[in-house]
Amino acid sequence: MKLYGYFRSSASYRVRIALSLKDIDYALQPVHLRRNEQRAPLFLESNPQGLVPALEDGGAVLTQSLAIIEYLEERIPEPPLLPPAPVDRAWVRAMAQIVACDIHPINNLRILQYLENDLGLDDDARATWAARWIDEGFSAMEAMLKDDSRTGTHCCGNQPTLADICLVPQVFNSRRFGMDLARYPTLARIYENCMRLPAFADQAPERQPDAE
């Protein structure tokens, strides 16, 4: 497998965690977003959306982080990233989608660049924008997790799931915008538990070979 990604991309970070949890060997092909390498014709041929991550496997190129992770789950079921009960699987997917569908899309690099270059927002204004939407999503996740009997050391039980895979990179992003996790004690506890595991800690952006 070959993973096309950017060290600071939270979507790429998700896939790196999933690959690590499942102990899958892969080659990393950096795509530097700030140098617009994602717009290179050769990359667009395989991924017309021009986004990372993309995963090449057996001649197929897969895109969108959640789709890639679900593909890995189906290809290599152990260790599972989704719980066995359908209702719990839906719960985990819902938390993952709070991050991947509601928080991340309006805080990613291309949106922040639009706010800066087209709307003229300065650094403080962009940070305020990002914090507004992260807080809305994190507040919902905190409410879902804090009193639920399914919550353990991780979002669902005591093993990492898709929800944890999405949470950890978003916490990294929130800290880049100067947010304090004290308002979300359950999320903060789960994040610390995740970061004790090599599959999470070793995939942190600052530990990647393409880190600036």
Protein backbone atom coordinates (compact mmCIF):
# COMPACT_ATOMS: atom_id res chain seq x y z
CA MET A 1 0.00 0.00 0.00
CA LYS A 2 1.05 3.60 -0.61
CA LEU A 3 -0.40 6.48 1.40
CA TYR A 4 -0.45 9.95 -0.14
CA GLY A 5 -0.70 12.43 2.71
CA TYR A 6 0.50 15.55 4.45
CA PHE A 7 1.98 15.39 7.94
CA ARG A 8 -0.31 18.08 9.37
CA SER A 9 -3.50 16.95 7.61
CA SER A 10 -5.85 15.59 10.26
CA ALA A 11 -7.54 13.36 7.67
CA SER A 12 -4.15 11.85 6.77
CA TYR A 13 -3.42 11.50 10.49
CA ARG A 14 -6.61 9.42 10.88
CA VAL A 15 -5.53 6.98 8.20
CA ARG A 16 -2.00 6.71 9.59
CA ILE A 17 -3.48 5.75 12.97
CA ALA A 18 -5.74 3.13 11.41
CA LEU A 19 -2.87 1.61 9.42
CA SER A 20 -0.76 1.53 12.57
CA LEU A 21 -3.49 -0.04 14.71
CA LYS A 22 -3.89 -2.78 12.14
CA ASP A 23 -0.10 -3.15 11.77
CA ILE A 24 -0.21 -2.64 8.01
CA ASP A 25 3.03 -1.88 6.20
CA TYR A 26 2.80 0.96 3.72
CA ALA A 27 4.94 3.43 1.82
CA LEU A 28 4.40 7.12 2.51
CA GLN A 29 4.25 9.54 -0.41
CA PRO A 30 4.20 13.10 0.98
CA VAL A 31 1.93 15.61 -0.75
CA HIS A 32 2.81 19.08 0.51
CA LEU A 33 -0.41 21.06 0.71
CA ARG A 34 1.20 24.45 1.26
CA ARG A 35 3.19 23.98 -1.93
CA ASN A 36 -0.01 23.01 -3.79
CA GLU A 37 1.38 19.59 -4.68
CA GLN A 38 -2.18 18.26 -4.39
CA ARG A 39 -2.99 20.26 -7.55
CA ALA A 40 -0.25 18.60 -9.62
CA PRO A 41 -1.71 17.01 -12.78
CA LEU A 42 -0.32 13.57 -11.97
CA PHE A 43 -1.95 13.58 -8.52
CA LEU A 44 -5.25 14.86 -9.93
CA GLU A 45 -5.31 12.00 -12.41
CA SER A 46 -5.62 9.53 -9.56
CA ASN A 47 -7.56 11.78 -7.17
CA PRO A 48 -9.63 14.37 -9.07
CA GLN A 49 -10.71 16.08 -5.84
CA GLY A 50 -7.11 17.05 -5.16
CA LEU A 51 -7.23 16.28 -1.46
CA VAL A 52 -5.32 14.05 0.94
CA PRO A 53 -5.26 11.35 2.01
CA ALA A 54 -5.37 8.89 -0.86
CA LEU A 55 -4.46 5.24 -0.47
CA GLU A 56 -3.17 3.16 -3.36
CA ASP A 57 -3.71 -0.57 -3.00
CA GLY A 58 -3.36 -3.11 -5.77
CA GLY A 59 -3.82 -0.54 -8.51
CA ALA A 60 -6.90 1.03 -6.93
CA VAL A 61 -6.74 4.55 -5.48
CA LEU A 62 -9.06 5.15 -2.55
CA THR A 63 -9.97 8.60 -1.24
CA GLN A 64 -11.75 10.17 1.74
CA SER A 65 -10.38 9.15 5.13
CA LEU A 66 -13.47 7.46 6.54
CA ALA A 67 -13.98 5.45 3.36
CA ILE A 68 -10.33 4.40 3.45
CA ILE A 69 -10.58 3.34 7.11
CA GLU A 70 -13.77 1.35 6.48
CA TYR A 71 -11.98 -0.34 3.56
CA LEU A 72 -9.11 -1.29 5.85
CA GLU A 73 -11.63 -2.58 8.39
CA GLU A 74 -13.23 -4.83 5.78
CA ARG A 75 -9.91 -6.01 4.35
CA ILE A 76 -8.23 -6.64 7.70
CA PRO A 77 -10.87 -7.11 10.40
CA GLU A 78 -8.47 -7.50 13.34
CA PRO A 79 -8.17 -5.61 15.53
CA PRO A 80 -11.67 -4.25 14.95
CA LEU A 81 -12.18 -0.49 14.76
CA LEU A 82 -15.94 -0.79 15.19
CA PRO A 83 -17.78 -2.54 18.05
CA PRO A 84 -19.84 -5.68 17.33
CA ALA A 85 -23.35 -4.41 18.17
CA PRO A 86 -25.07 -2.46 15.36
CA VAL A 87 -26.33 0.24 17.72
CA ASP A 88 -22.82 0.75 19.12
CA ARG A 89 -21.35 0.84 15.62
CA ALA A 90 -23.81 3.61 14.74
CA TRP A 91 -22.85 5.49 17.92
CA VAL A 92 -19.15 5.29 17.09
CA ARG A 93 -19.77 6.34 13.49
CA ALA A 94 -21.84 9.30 14.69
CA MET A 95 -18.97 10.59 16.82
CA ALA A 96 -16.52 10.06 13.99
CA GLN A 97 -18.79 12.02 11.67
CA ILE A 98 -19.13 14.91 14.12
CA VAL A 99 -15.42 15.40 13.56
CA ALA A 100 -15.07 14.38 9.92
CA CYS A 101 -18.29 15.93 8.59
CA ASP A 102 -19.16 18.81 10.92
CA ILE A 103 -15.93 20.16 12.44
CA HIS A 104 -13.08 19.43 10.07
CA PRO A 105 -14.51 20.52 6.68
CA ILE A 106 -14.98 24.14 7.77
CA ASN A 107 -11.60 24.35 9.49
CA ASN A 108 -9.28 22.74 6.96
CA LEU A 109 -6.48 24.49 5.13
CA ARG A 110 -8.38 25.52 2.01
CA ILE A 111 -11.14 27.11 4.09
CA LEU A 112 -8.66 28.97 6.28
CA GLN A 113 -6.82 30.15 3.17
CA TYR A 114 -10.11 31.41 1.72
CA LEU A 115 -10.86 33.29 4.94
CA GLU A 116 -7.42 34.90 4.74
CA ASN A 117 -7.00 35.54 1.04
CA ASP A 118 -10.56 36.24 -0.09
CA LEU A 119 -12.23 37.62 3.02
CA GLY A 120 -9.21 39.30 4.57
CA LEU A 121 -9.46 37.75 8.03
CA ASP A 122 -6.33 38.00 10.17
CA ASP A 123 -4.83 35.24 12.32
CA ASP A 124 -6.95 36.05 15.37
CA ALA A 125 -10.17 36.08 13.37
CA ARG A 126 -9.37 32.77 11.70
CA ALA A 127 -8.56 31.21 15.08
CA THR A 128 -11.88 32.49 16.44
CA TRP A 129 -13.66 30.96 13.45
CA ALA A 130 -11.98 27.60 13.96
CA ALA A 131 -12.57 27.54 17.72
CA ARG A 132 -16.27 28.33 17.24
CA TRP A 133 -16.91 25.16 15.23
CA ILE A 134 -14.54 22.93 17.15
CA ASP A 135 -16.29 23.91 20.38
CA GLU A 136 -19.70 23.11 18.95
CA GLY A 137 -18.62 19.63 17.91
CA PHE A 138 -16.54 18.88 21.01
CA SER A 139 -19.37 20.02 23.30
CA ALA A 140 -21.70 17.55 21.59
CA MET A 141 -19.18 14.71 21.86
CA GLU A 142 -18.54 15.52 25.53
CA ALA A 143 -22.28 15.32 26.22
CA MET A 144 -22.54 12.01 24.37
CA LEU A 145 -19.65 10.43 26.24
CA LYS A 146 -19.58 11.77 29.78
CA ASP A 147 -22.45 9.74 31.30
CA ASP A 148 -22.78 6.88 28.83
CA SER A 149 -22.08 3.41 30.17
CA ARG A 150 -20.29 2.50 26.93
CA THR A 151 -17.57 5.07 27.54
CA GLY A 152 -14.40 3.50 28.89
CA THR A 153 -10.76 4.35 28.54
CA HIS A 154 -11.70 5.12 24.96
CA CYS A 155 -14.82 6.44 23.28
CA CYS A 156 -16.50 3.02 23.21
CA GLY A 157 -15.10 0.58 25.70
CA ASN A 158 -11.44 0.06 26.38
CA GLN A 159 -10.07 -0.37 22.87
CA PRO A 160 -9.61 2.29 20.18
CA THR A 161 -12.37 2.67 17.63
CA LEU A 162 -13.09 4.86 14.65
CA ALA A 163 -14.30 7.56 17.07
CA ASP A 164 -10.90 7.75 18.79
CA ILE A 165 -9.14 7.76 15.42
CA CYS A 166 -11.08 10.89 14.48
CA LEU A 167 -10.91 12.55 17.89
CA VAL A 168 -7.14 12.56 18.34
CA PRO A 169 -6.21 14.51 15.18
CA GLN A 170 -8.96 17.02 15.90
CA VAL A 171 -7.55 17.61 19.38
CA PHE A 172 -4.18 18.28 17.75
CA ASN A 173 -5.86 20.85 15.51
CA SER A 174 -7.69 22.45 18.41
CA ARG A 175 -4.41 23.04 20.22
CA ARG A 176 -2.98 24.73 17.14
CA PHE A 177 -5.79 27.27 17.53
CA GLY A 178 -5.02 27.77 21.22
CA MET A 179 -8.04 25.92 22.61
CA ASP A 180 -8.10 24.60 26.17
CA LEU A 181 -9.50 21.07 26.61
CA ALA A 182 -10.54 21.78 30.20
CA ARG A 183 -14.10 22.32 28.99
CA TYR A 184 -14.19 18.75 27.68
CA PRO A 185 -12.78 16.57 30.48
CA THR A 186 -13.99 13.28 29.02
CA LEU A 187 -12.47 14.05 25.64
CA ALA A 188 -9.24 15.15 27.31
CA ARG A 189 -9.04 11.91 29.31
CA ILE A 190 -9.69 9.76 26.24
CA TYR A 191 -7.13 11.74 24.24
CA GLU A 192 -4.45 11.14 26.89
CA ASN A 193 -5.27 7.43 26.95
CA CYS A 194 -4.94 7.25 23.17
CA MET A 195 -1.63 9.06 23.17
CA ARG A 196 -0.18 6.43 25.50
CA LEU A 197 -0.51 3.95 22.62
CA PRO A 198 2.28 3.87 20.01
CA ALA A 199 -0.27 3.58 17.19
CA PHE A 200 -1.43 7.10 18.06
CA ALA A 201 1.71 8.71 19.46
CA ASP A 202 4.02 7.56 16.66
CA GLN A 203 1.68 8.99 14.02
CA ALA A 204 1.61 12.50 15.51
CA PRO A 205 2.41 15.17 12.91
CA GLU A 206 5.67 16.24 14.51
CA ARG A 207 6.98 12.68 14.25
CA GLN A 208 6.41 12.33 10.51
CA PRO A 209 9.34 12.26 8.08
CA ASP A 210 7.81 15.06 5.98
CA ALA A 211 7.25 17.36 8.99
CA GLU A 212 8.49 20.88 8.36
